Amino acid sequence: VTAPFLKAVRPKLENGDYAPNFPLQWMQKDLHLASLTAY
């Protein structure tokens, strides 16, 4: 039931190394756009 990509980010999570591959602010923007589209 766990998304396969999570295995790839395990080292980031364990080491607290959050160098951006996809910045959180862009993800939040995409979630906002999805919310607007749904509305």
PDB file of all heavy atoms in Angstrom:
ATOM      1  N   VAL A   1       0.814  -1.228   0.000  1.00  0.00           N
ATOM      2  CA  VAL A   1       0.000   0.000   0.000  1.00  0.00           C
ATOM      3  C   VAL A   1       0.845   1.275   0.000  1.00  0.00           C
ATOM      4  O   VAL A   1       0.314   2.370  -0.132  1.00  0.00           O
ATOM      5  CB  VAL A   1      -0.982   0.029   1.193  1.00  0.00           C
ATOM      6  CG1 VAL A   1      -1.979  -1.113   1.082  1.00  0.00           C
ATOM      7  CG2 VAL A   1      -0.239  -0.027   2.523  1.00  0.00           C
ATOM      8  N   THR A   2       2.146   1.139   0.143  1.00  0.00           N
ATOM      9  CA  THR A   2       3.036   2.294   0.178  1.00  0.00           C
ATOM     10  C   THR A   2       3.503   2.637  -1.232  1.00  0.00           C
ATOM     11  O   THR A   2       3.894   1.763  -1.993  1.00  0.00           O
ATOM     12  CB  THR A   2       4.250   2.007   1.082  1.00  0.00           C
ATOM     13  OG1 THR A   2       3.764   1.639   2.376  1.00  0.00           O
ATOM     14  CG2 THR A   2       5.138   3.220   1.227  1.00  0.00           C
ATOM     15  N   ALA A   3       3.458   3.924  -1.561  1.00  0.00           N
ATOM     16  CA  ALA A   3       3.891   4.387  -2.881  1.00  0.00           C
ATOM     17  C   ALA A   3       5.360   4.014  -3.104  1.00  0.00           C
ATOM     18  O   ALA A   3       6.205   4.268  -2.233  1.00  0.00           O
ATOM     19  CB  ALA A   3       3.705   5.892  -2.996  1.00  0.00           C
ATOM     20  N   PRO A   4       5.684   3.433  -4.254  1.00  0.00           N
ATOM     21  CA  PRO A   4       7.059   2.979  -4.527  1.00  0.00           C
ATOM     22  C   PRO A   4       8.123   4.075  -4.441  1.00  0.00           C
ATOM     23  O   PRO A   4       9.250   3.799  -4.040  1.00  0.00           O
ATOM     24  CB  PRO A   4       6.975   2.418  -5.949  1.00  0.00           C
ATOM     25  CG  PRO A   4       5.540   2.051  -6.134  1.00  0.00           C
ATOM     26  CD  PRO A   4       4.761   3.051  -5.326  1.00  0.00           C
ATOM     27  N   PHE A   5       7.791   5.320  -4.780  1.00  0.00           N
ATOM     28  CA  PHE A   5       8.801   6.382  -4.755  1.00  0.00           C
ATOM     29  C   PHE A   5       9.347   6.623  -3.362  1.00  0.00           C
ATOM     30  O   PHE A   5      10.455   7.149  -3.198  1.00  0.00           O
ATOM     31  CB  PHE A   5       8.246   7.700  -5.340  1.00  0.00           C
ATOM     32  CG  PHE A   5       7.479   8.526  -4.355  1.00  0.00           C
ATOM     33  CD1 PHE A   5       8.122   9.496  -3.600  1.00  0.00           C
ATOM     34  CD2 PHE A   5       6.122   8.338  -4.163  1.00  0.00           C
ATOM     35  CE1 PHE A   5       7.432  10.275  -2.677  1.00  0.00           C
ATOM     36  CE2 PHE A   5       5.415   9.104  -3.245  1.00  0.00           C
ATOM     37  CZ  PHE A   5       6.074  10.072  -2.506  1.00  0.00           C
ATOM     38  N   LEU A   6       8.603   6.228  -2.335  1.00  0.00           N
ATOM     39  CA  LEU A   6       9.036   6.495  -0.965  1.00  0.00           C
ATOM     40  C   LEU A   6      10.340   5.774  -0.617  1.00  0.00           C
ATOM     41  O   LEU A   6      11.120   6.282   0.183  1.00  0.00           O
ATOM     42  CB  LEU A   6       7.928   6.144   0.019  1.00  0.00           C
ATOM     43  CG  LEU A   6       6.745   7.115  -0.025  1.00  0.00           C
ATOM     44  CD1 LEU A   6       5.528   6.527   0.654  1.00  0.00           C
ATOM     45  CD2 LEU A   6       7.127   8.451   0.586  1.00  0.00           C
ATOM     46  N   LYS A   7      10.568   4.617  -1.221  1.00  0.00           N
ATOM     47  CA  LYS A   7      11.842   3.922  -0.986  1.00  0.00           C
ATOM     48  C   LYS A   7      13.010   4.787  -1.452  1.00  0.00           C
ATOM     49  O   LYS A   7      14.072   4.796  -0.834  1.00  0.00           O
ATOM     50  CB  LYS A   7      11.873   2.583  -1.711  1.00  0.00           C
ATOM     51  CG  LYS A   7      11.089   1.496  -1.024  1.00  0.00           C
ATOM     52  CD  LYS A   7      11.265   0.174  -1.738  1.00  0.00           C
ATOM     53  CE  LYS A   7      10.504  -0.915  -1.029  1.00  0.00           C
ATOM     54  NZ  LYS A   7      10.666  -2.216  -1.686  1.00  0.00           N
ATOM     55  N   ALA A   8      12.819   5.505  -2.540  1.00  0.00           N
ATOM     56  CA  ALA A   8      13.890   6.346  -3.089  1.00  0.00           C
ATOM     57  C   ALA A   8      14.181   7.557  -2.211  1.00  0.00           C
ATOM     58  O   ALA A   8      15.311   8.049  -2.200  1.00  0.00           O
ATOM     59  CB  ALA A   8      13.540   6.795  -4.506  1.00  0.00           C
ATOM     60  N   VAL A   9      13.189   8.039  -1.466  1.00  0.00           N
ATOM     61  CA  VAL A   9      13.430   9.216  -0.620  1.00  0.00           C
ATOM     62  C   VAL A   9      13.830   8.839   0.808  1.00  0.00           C
ATOM     63  O   VAL A   9      14.126   9.718   1.612  1.00  0.00           O
ATOM     64  CB  VAL A   9      12.225  10.202  -0.601  1.00  0.00           C
ATOM     65  CG1 VAL A   9      11.933  10.741  -1.974  1.00  0.00           C
ATOM     66  CG2 VAL A   9      10.998   9.587   0.033  1.00  0.00           C
ATOM     67  N   ARG A  10      13.871   7.547   1.107  1.00  0.00           N
ATOM     68  CA  ARG A  10      14.249   7.116   2.456  1.00  0.00           C
ATOM     69  C   ARG A  10      15.551   7.751   2.941  1.00  0.00           C
ATOM     70  O   ARG A  10      15.598   8.256   4.076  1.00  0.00           O
ATOM     71  CB  ARG A  10      14.340   5.592   2.521  1.00  0.00           C
ATOM     72  CG  ARG A  10      14.732   5.103   3.904  1.00  0.00           C
ATOM     73  CD  ARG A  10      14.802   3.599   4.010  1.00  0.00           C
ATOM     74  NE  ARG A  10      15.196   3.203   5.361  1.00  0.00           N
ATOM     75  CZ  ARG A  10      15.147   1.961   5.811  1.00  0.00           C
ATOM     76  NH1 ARG A  10      14.723   0.984   5.015  1.00  0.00           N
ATOM     77  NH2 ARG A  10      15.529   1.703   7.042  1.00  0.00           N
ATOM     78  N   PRO A  11      16.632   7.771   2.120  1.00  0.00           N
ATOM     79  CA  PRO A  11      17.869   8.403   2.609  1.00  0.00           C
ATOM     80  C   PRO A  11      17.674   9.872   2.992  1.00  0.00           C
ATOM     81  O   PRO A  11      18.246  10.330   3.984  1.00  0.00           O
ATOM     82  CB  PRO A  11      18.841   8.262   1.431  1.00  0.00           C
ATOM     83  CG  PRO A  11      18.326   7.099   0.651  1.00  0.00           C
ATOM     84  CD  PRO A  11      16.832   7.155   0.795  1.00  0.00           C
ATOM     85  N   LYS A  12      16.868  10.591   2.240  1.00  0.00           N
ATOM     86  CA  LYS A  12      16.589  11.993   2.584  1.00  0.00           C
ATOM     87  C   LYS A  12      15.927  12.068   3.959  1.00  0.00           C
ATOM     88  O   LYS A  12      16.290  12.891   4.787  1.00  0.00           O
ATOM     89  CB  LYS A  12      15.655  12.644   1.551  1.00  0.00           C
ATOM     90  CG  LYS A  12      16.301  13.048   0.263  1.00  0.00           C
ATOM     91  CD  LYS A  12      15.256  13.740  -0.629  1.00  0.00           C
ATOM     92  CE  LYS A  12      15.867  14.414  -1.802  1.00  0.00           C
ATOM     93  NZ  LYS A  12      16.742  15.526  -1.507  1.00  0.00           N
ATOM     94  N   LEU A  13      14.952  11.212   4.178  1.00  0.00           N
ATOM     95  CA  LEU A  13      14.203  11.226   5.429  1.00  0.00           C
ATOM     96  C   LEU A  13      15.076  10.827   6.610  1.00  0.00           C
ATOM     97  O   LEU A  13      15.021  11.441   7.669  1.00  0.00           O
ATOM     98  CB  LEU A  13      12.995  10.296   5.326  1.00  0.00           C
ATOM     99  CG  LEU A  13      12.044  10.525   4.149  1.00  0.00           C
ATOM    100  CD1 LEU A  13      10.894   9.531   4.200  1.00  0.00           C
ATOM    101  CD2 LEU A  13      11.539  11.948   4.094  1.00  0.00           C
ATOM    102  N   GLU A  14      15.876   9.788   6.428  1.00  0.00           N
ATOM    103  CA  GLU A  14      16.735   9.307   7.522  1.00  0.00           C
ATOM    104  C   GLU A  14      17.840  10.295   7.863  1.00  0.00           C
ATOM    105  O   GLU A  14      18.187  10.455   9.028  1.00  0.00           O
ATOM    106  CB  GLU A  14      17.362   7.962   7.146  1.00  0.00           C
ATOM    107  CG  GLU A  14      16.394   6.815   7.198  1.00  0.00           C
ATOM    108  CD  GLU A  14      17.059   5.489   6.894  1.00  0.00           C
ATOM    109  OE1 GLU A  14      17.778   5.389   5.881  1.00  0.00           O
ATOM    110  OE2 GLU A  14      16.840   4.541   7.675  1.00  0.00           O
ATOM    111  N   ASN A  15      18.397  10.950   6.854  1.00  0.00           N
ATOM    112  CA  ASN A  15      19.536  11.849   7.071  1.00  0.00           C
ATOM    113  C   ASN A  15      19.142  13.305   7.243  1.00  0.00           C
ATOM    114  O   ASN A  15      19.997  14.134   7.535  1.00  0.00           O
ATOM    115  CB  ASN A  15      20.523  11.725   5.897  1.00  0.00           C
ATOM    116  CG  ASN A  15      21.061  10.320   5.761  1.00  0.00           C
ATOM    117  OD1 ASN A  15      21.302   9.637   6.745  1.00  0.00           O
ATOM    118  ND2 ASN A  15      21.225   9.870   4.529  1.00  0.00           N
ATOM    119  N   GLY A  16      17.865  13.602   7.068  1.00  0.00           N
ATOM    120  CA  GLY A  16      17.440  14.996   7.166  1.00  0.00           C
ATOM    121  C   GLY A  16      18.044  15.869   6.078  1.00  0.00           C
ATOM    122  O   GLY A  16      18.195  17.068   6.247  1.00  0.00           O
ATOM    123  N   ASP A  17      18.395  15.255   4.957  1.00  0.00           N
ATOM    124  CA  ASP A  17      18.981  15.972   3.827  1.00  0.00           C
ATOM    125  C   ASP A  17      17.877  16.291   2.830  1.00  0.00           C
ATOM    126  O   ASP A  17      17.494  15.438   2.031  1.00  0.00           O
ATOM    127  CB  ASP A  17      20.068  15.124   3.158  1.00  0.00           C
ATOM    128  CG  ASP A  17      20.592  15.749   1.870  1.00  0.00           C
ATOM    129  OD1 ASP A  17      20.386  16.960   1.661  1.00  0.00           O
ATOM    130  OD2 ASP A  17      21.197  15.018   1.072  1.00  0.00           O
ATOM    131  N   TYR A  18      17.365  17.498   2.900  1.00  0.00           N
ATOM    132  CA  TYR A  18      16.236  17.879   2.061  1.00  0.00           C
ATOM    133  C   TYR A  18      16.648  18.838   0.949  1.00  0.00           C
ATOM    134  O   TYR A  18      15.914  19.758   0.602  1.00  0.00           O
ATOM    135  CB  TYR A  18      15.116  18.460   2.930  1.00  0.00           C
ATOM    136  CG  TYR A  18      14.614  17.437   3.925  1.00  0.00           C
ATOM    137  CD1 TYR A  18      14.877  17.568   5.293  1.00  0.00           C
ATOM    138  CD2 TYR A  18      13.899  16.332   3.490  1.00  0.00           C
ATOM    139  CE1 TYR A  18      14.423  16.613   6.192  1.00  0.00           C
ATOM    140  CE2 TYR A  18      13.448  15.374   4.385  1.00  0.00           C
ATOM    141  CZ  TYR A  18      13.707  15.530   5.726  1.00  0.00           C
ATOM    142  OH  TYR A  18      13.266  14.577   6.617  1.00  0.00           O
ATOM    143  N   ALA A  19      17.836  18.577   0.387  1.00  0.00           N
ATOM    144  CA  ALA A  19      18.247  19.333  -0.800  1.00  0.00           C
ATOM    145  C   ALA A  19      17.155  19.121  -1.852  1.00  0.00           C
ATOM    146  O   ALA A  19      16.719  17.995  -2.078  1.00  0.00           O
ATOM    147  CB  ALA A  19      19.595  18.831  -1.314  1.00  0.00           C
ATOM    148  N   PRO A  20      16.714  20.188  -2.472  1.00  0.00           N
ATOM    149  CA  PRO A  20      15.523  20.065  -3.317  1.00  0.00           C
ATOM    150  C   PRO A  20      15.747  19.365  -4.653  1.00  0.00           C
ATOM    151  O   PRO A  20      16.624  19.725  -5.415  1.00  0.00           O
ATOM    152  CB  PRO A  20      15.104  21.520  -3.544  1.00  0.00           C
ATOM    153  CG  PRO A  20      16.360  22.310  -3.390  1.00  0.00           C
ATOM    154  CD  PRO A  20      17.198  21.568  -2.381  1.00  0.00           C
ATOM    155  N   ASN A  21      14.948  18.333  -4.876  1.00  0.00           N
ATOM    156  CA  ASN A  21      14.743  17.782  -6.209  1.00  0.00           C
ATOM    157  C   ASN A  21      13.467  18.419  -6.761  1.00  0.00           C
ATOM    158  O   ASN A  21      13.384  18.727  -7.929  1.00  0.00           O
ATOM    159  CB  ASN A  21      14.595  16.260  -6.176  1.00  0.00           C
ATOM    160  CG  ASN A  21      15.896  15.581  -5.826  1.00  0.00           C
ATOM    161  OD1 ASN A  21      16.971  16.056  -6.166  1.00  0.00           O
ATOM    162  ND2 ASN A  21      15.800  14.472  -5.113  1.00  0.00           N
ATOM    163  N   PHE A  22      12.490  18.576  -5.895  1.00  0.00           N
ATOM    164  CA  PHE A  22      11.235  19.248  -6.220  1.00  0.00           C
ATOM    165  C   PHE A  22      10.846  20.043  -4.968  1.00  0.00           C
ATOM    166  O   PHE A  22      10.392  19.466  -3.981  1.00  0.00           O
ATOM    167  CB  PHE A  22      10.157  18.229  -6.588  1.00  0.00           C
ATOM    168  CG  PHE A  22       8.898  18.853  -7.115  1.00  0.00           C
ATOM    169  CD1 PHE A  22       8.893  19.506  -8.336  1.00  0.00           C
ATOM    170  CD2 PHE A  22       7.724  18.790  -6.388  1.00  0.00           C
ATOM    171  CE1 PHE A  22       7.727  20.090  -8.829  1.00  0.00           C
ATOM    172  CE2 PHE A  22       6.561  19.370  -6.862  1.00  0.00           C
ATOM    173  CZ  PHE A  22       6.562  20.017  -8.085  1.00  0.00           C
ATOM    174  N   PRO A  23      11.077  21.366  -4.986  1.00  0.00           N
ATOM    175  CA  PRO A  23      10.847  22.172  -3.789  1.00  0.00           C
ATOM    176  C   PRO A  23       9.411  22.103  -3.270  1.00  0.00           C
ATOM    177  O   PRO A  23       8.450  22.068  -4.047  1.00  0.00           O
ATOM    178  CB  PRO A  23      11.192  23.591  -4.244  1.00  0.00           C
ATOM    179  CG  PRO A  23      12.138  23.397  -5.377  1.00  0.00           C
ATOM    180  CD  PRO A  23      11.649  22.153  -6.080  1.00  0.00           C
ATOM    181  N   LEU A  24       9.285  22.092  -1.965  1.00  0.00           N
ATOM    182  CA  LEU A  24       7.990  22.038  -1.306  1.00  0.00           C
ATOM    183  C   LEU A  24       7.089  23.179  -1.772  1.00  0.00           C
ATOM    184  O   LEU A  24       5.895  22.979  -1.966  1.00  0.00           O
ATOM    185  CB  LEU A  24       8.182  22.074   0.217  1.00  0.00           C
ATOM    186  CG  LEU A  24       6.921  21.941   1.041  1.00  0.00           C
ATOM    187  CD1 LEU A  24       7.162  21.020   2.226  1.00  0.00           C
ATOM    188  CD2 LEU A  24       6.406  23.279   1.510  1.00  0.00           C
ATOM    189  N   GLN A  25       7.654  24.364  -1.978  1.00  0.00           N
ATOM    190  CA  GLN A  25       6.829  25.501  -2.394  1.00  0.00           C
ATOM    191  C   GLN A  25       6.178  25.254  -3.761  1.00  0.00           C
ATOM    192  O   GLN A  25       5.058  25.702  -4.005  1.00  0.00           O
ATOM    193  CB  GLN A  25       7.633  26.795  -2.413  1.00  0.00           C
ATOM    194  CG  GLN A  25       8.779  26.823  -3.392  1.00  0.00           C
ATOM    195  CD  GLN A  25       9.722  27.977  -3.137  1.00  0.00           C
ATOM    196  OE1 GLN A  25       9.521  28.788  -2.240  1.00  0.00           O
ATOM    197  NE2 GLN A  25      10.776  28.069  -3.940  1.00  0.00           N
ATOM    198  N   TRP A  26       6.850  24.533  -4.645  1.00  0.00           N
ATOM    199  CA  TRP A  26       6.259  24.215  -5.946  1.00  0.00           C
ATOM    200  C   TRP A  26       5.169  23.164  -5.794  1.00  0.00           C
ATOM    201  O   TRP A  26       4.163  23.187  -6.488  1.00  0.00           O
ATOM    202  CB  TRP A  26       7.319  23.750  -6.928  1.00  0.00           C
ATOM    203  CG  TRP A  26       8.328  24.795  -7.297  1.00  0.00           C
ATOM    204  CD1 TRP A  26       8.332  26.122  -6.941  1.00  0.00           C
ATOM    205  CD2 TRP A  26       9.488  24.601  -8.077  1.00  0.00           C
ATOM    206  NE1 TRP A  26       9.429  26.757  -7.451  1.00  0.00           N
ATOM    207  CE2 TRP A  26      10.167  25.845  -8.159  1.00  0.00           C
ATOM    208  CE3 TRP A  26      10.045  23.496  -8.703  1.00  0.00           C
ATOM    209  CZ2 TRP A  26      11.349  26.012  -8.861  1.00  0.00           C
ATOM    210  CZ3 TRP A  26      11.222  23.659  -9.400  1.00  0.00           C
ATOM    211  CH2 TRP A  26      11.866  24.907  -9.479  1.00  0.00           C
ATOM    212  N   MET A  27       5.381  22.224  -4.873  1.00  0.00           N
ATOM    213  CA  MET A  27       4.352  21.217  -4.616  1.00  0.00           C
ATOM    214  C   MET A  27       3.114  21.892  -4.039  1.00  0.00           C
ATOM    215  O   MET A  27       1.989  21.596  -4.448  1.00  0.00           O
ATOM    216  CB  MET A  27       4.878  20.148  -3.659  1.00  0.00           C
ATOM    217  CG  MET A  27       3.881  19.040  -3.387  1.00  0.00           C
ATOM    218  SD  MET A  27       3.423  18.102  -4.873  1.00  0.00           S
ATOM    219  CE  MET A  27       4.824  16.993  -4.980  1.00  0.00           C
ATOM    220  N   GLN A  28       3.320  22.815  -3.121  1.00  0.00           N
ATOM    221  CA  GLN A  28       2.178  23.526  -2.532  1.00  0.00           C
ATOM    222  C   GLN A  28       1.451  24.312  -3.610  1.00  0.00           C
ATOM    223  O   GLN A  28       0.221  24.353  -3.646  1.00  0.00           O
ATOM    224  CB  GLN A  28       2.649  24.430  -1.391  1.00  0.00           C
ATOM    225  CG  GLN A  28       1.526  24.981  -0.529  1.00  0.00           C
ATOM    226  CD  GLN A  28       0.957  26.284  -1.011  1.00  0.00           C
ATOM    227  OE1 GLN A  28       1.638  27.087  -1.633  1.00  0.00           O
ATOM    228  NE2 GLN A  28      -0.300  26.506  -0.723  1.00  0.00           N
ATOM    229  N   LYS A  29       2.187  24.908  -4.551  1.00  0.00           N
ATOM    230  CA  LYS A  29       1.578  25.641  -5.663  1.00  0.00           C
ATOM    231  C   LYS A  29       0.739  24.700  -6.518  1.00  0.00           C
ATOM    232  O   LYS A  29      -0.394  25.023  -6.888  1.00  0.00           O
ATOM    233  CB  LYS A  29       2.655  26.314  -6.513  1.00  0.00           C
ATOM    234  CG  LYS A  29       2.113  27.046  -7.727  1.00  0.00           C
ATOM    235  CD  LYS A  29       2.788  26.820  -9.066  1.00  0.00           C
ATOM    236  CE  LYS A  29       3.802  25.780  -9.253  1.00  0.00           C
ATOM    237  NZ  LYS A  29       3.603  24.936 -10.443  1.00  0.00           N
ATOM    238  N   ASP A  30       1.257  23.523  -6.804  1.00  0.00           N
ATOM    239  CA  ASP A  30       0.507  22.554  -7.608  1.00  0.00           C
ATOM    240  C   ASP A  30      -0.746  22.068  -6.875  1.00  0.00           C
ATOM    241  O   ASP A  30      -1.791  21.851  -7.500  1.00  0.00           O
ATOM    242  CB  ASP A  30       1.384  21.373  -7.995  1.00  0.00           C
ATOM    243  CG  ASP A  30       2.359  21.711  -9.121  1.00  0.00           C
ATOM    244  OD1 ASP A  30       2.272  22.823  -9.681  1.00  0.00           O
ATOM    245  OD2 ASP A  30       3.201  20.862  -9.453  1.00  0.00           O
ATOM    246  N   LEU A  31      -0.654  21.900  -5.575  1.00  0.00           N
ATOM    247  CA  LEU A  31      -1.835  21.530  -4.801  1.00  0.00           C
ATOM    248  C   LEU A  31      -2.871  22.645  -4.841  1.00  0.00           C
ATOM    249  O   LEU A  31      -4.080  22.386  -4.947  1.00  0.00           O
ATOM    250  CB  LEU A  31      -1.458  21.201  -3.353  1.00  0.00           C
ATOM    251  CG  LEU A  31      -0.617  19.943  -3.155  1.00  0.00           C
ATOM    252  CD1 LEU A  31      -0.161  19.834  -1.706  1.00  0.00           C
ATOM    253  CD2 LEU A  31      -1.369  18.706  -3.587  1.00  0.00           C
ATOM    254  N   HIS A  32      -2.410  23.876  -4.783  1.00  0.00           N
ATOM    255  CA  HIS A  32      -3.316  25.022  -4.882  1.00  0.00           C
ATOM    256  C   HIS A  32      -4.002  25.045  -6.248  1.00  0.00           C
ATOM    257  O   HIS A  32      -5.220  25.260  -6.339  1.00  0.00           O
ATOM    258  CB  HIS A  32      -2.546  26.323  -4.618  1.00  0.00           C
ATOM    259  CG  HIS A  32      -3.391  27.539  -4.718  1.00  0.00           C
ATOM    260  ND1 HIS A  32      -4.369  27.842  -3.790  1.00  0.00           N
ATOM    261  CD2 HIS A  32      -3.432  28.524  -5.642  1.00  0.00           C
ATOM    262  CE1 HIS A  32      -4.967  28.967  -4.140  1.00  0.00           C
ATOM    263  NE2 HIS A  32      -4.415  29.404  -5.258  1.00  0.00           N
ATOM    264  N   LEU A  33      -3.236  24.814  -7.308  1.00  0.00           N
ATOM    265  CA  LEU A  33      -3.814  24.789  -8.658  1.00  0.00           C
ATOM    266  C   LEU A  33      -4.835  23.656  -8.796  1.00  0.00           C
ATOM    267  O   LEU A  33      -5.885  23.827  -9.423  1.00  0.00           O
ATOM    268  CB  LEU A  33      -2.718  24.652  -9.711  1.00  0.00           C
ATOM    269  CG  LEU A  33      -1.785  25.860  -9.868  1.00  0.00           C
ATOM    270  CD1 LEU A  33      -0.664  25.536 -10.847  1.00  0.00           C
ATOM    271  CD2 LEU A  33      -2.559  27.089 -10.314  1.00  0.00           C
ATOM    272  N   ALA A  34      -4.529  22.507  -8.219  1.00  0.00           N
ATOM    273  CA  ALA A  34      -5.479  21.385  -8.251  1.00  0.00           C
ATOM    274  C   ALA A  34      -6.752  21.754  -7.503  1.00  0.00           C
ATOM    275  O   ALA A  34      -7.866  21.446  -7.957  1.00  0.00           O
ATOM    276  CB  ALA A  34      -4.840  20.135  -7.652  1.00  0.00           C
ATOM    277  N   SER A  35      -6.602  22.438  -6.382  1.00  0.00           N
ATOM    278  CA  SER A  35      -7.758  22.867  -5.600  1.00  0.00           C
ATOM    279  C   SER A  35      -8.620  23.858  -6.386  1.00  0.00           C
ATOM    280  O   SER A  35      -9.853  23.760  -6.393  1.00  0.00           O
ATOM    281  CB  SER A  35      -7.278  23.491  -4.283  1.00  0.00           C
ATOM    282  OG  SER A  35      -8.369  23.953  -3.528  1.00  0.00           O
ATOM    283  N   LEU A  36      -7.972  24.794  -7.058  1.00  0.00           N
ATOM    284  CA  LEU A  36      -8.713  25.755  -7.885  1.00  0.00           C
ATOM    285  C   LEU A  36      -9.433  25.055  -9.034  1.00  0.00           C
ATOM    286  O   LEU A  36     -10.597  25.371  -9.335  1.00  0.00           O
ATOM    287  CB  LEU A  36      -7.766  26.819  -8.444  1.00  0.00           C
ATOM    288  CG  LEU A  36      -7.192  27.823  -7.453  1.00  0.00           C
ATOM    289  CD1 LEU A  36      -6.157  28.716  -8.139  1.00  0.00           C
ATOM    290  CD2 LEU A  36      -8.297  28.652  -6.825  1.00  0.00           C
ATOM    291  N   THR A  37      -8.757  24.115  -9.670  1.00  0.00           N
ATOM    292  CA  THR A  37      -9.366  23.365 -10.772  1.00  0.00           C
ATOM    293  C   THR A  37     -10.572  22.587 -10.275  1.00  0.00           C
ATOM    294  O   THR A  37     -11.634  22.579 -10.918  1.00  0.00           O
ATOM    295  CB  THR A  37      -8.328  22.427 -11.417  1.00  0.00           C
ATOM    296  OG1 THR A  37      -7.231  23.212 -11.890  1.00  0.00           O
ATOM    297  CG2 THR A  37      -8.932  21.633 -12.560  1.00  0.00           C
ATOM    298  N   ALA A  38     -10.435  21.929  -9.135  1.00  0.00           N
ATOM    299  CA  ALA A  38     -11.550  21.177  -8.551  1.00  0.00           C
ATOM    300  C   ALA A  38     -12.719  22.115  -8.247  1.00  0.00           C
ATOM    301  O   ALA A  38     -13.881  21.777  -8.523  1.00  0.00           O
ATOM    302  CB  ALA A  38     -11.092  20.453  -7.293  1.00  0.00           C
ATOM    303  N   TYR A  39     -12.422  23.278  -7.710  1.00  0.00           N
ATOM    304  CA  TYR A  39     -13.464  24.261  -7.405  1.00  0.00           C
ATOM    305  C   TYR A  39     -14.192  24.688  -8.680  1.00  0.00           C
ATOM    306  O   TYR A  39     -15.422  24.716  -8.728  1.00  0.00           O
ATOM    307  CB  TYR A  39     -12.851  25.472  -6.694  1.00  0.00           C
ATOM    308  CG  TYR A  39     -13.844  26.570  -6.429  1.00  0.00           C
ATOM    309  CD1 TYR A  39     -14.719  26.478  -5.351  1.00  0.00           C
ATOM    310  CD2 TYR A  39     -13.908  27.692  -7.252  1.00  0.00           C
ATOM    311  CE1 TYR A  39     -15.644  27.486  -5.105  1.00  0.00           C
ATOM    312  CE2 TYR A  39     -14.823  28.702  -7.014  1.00  0.00           C
ATOM    313  CZ  TYR A  39     -15.695  28.598  -5.944  1.00  0.00           C
ATOM    314  OH  TYR A  39     -16.617  29.579  -5.712  1.00  0.00           O
TER     315      TYR A  39
END
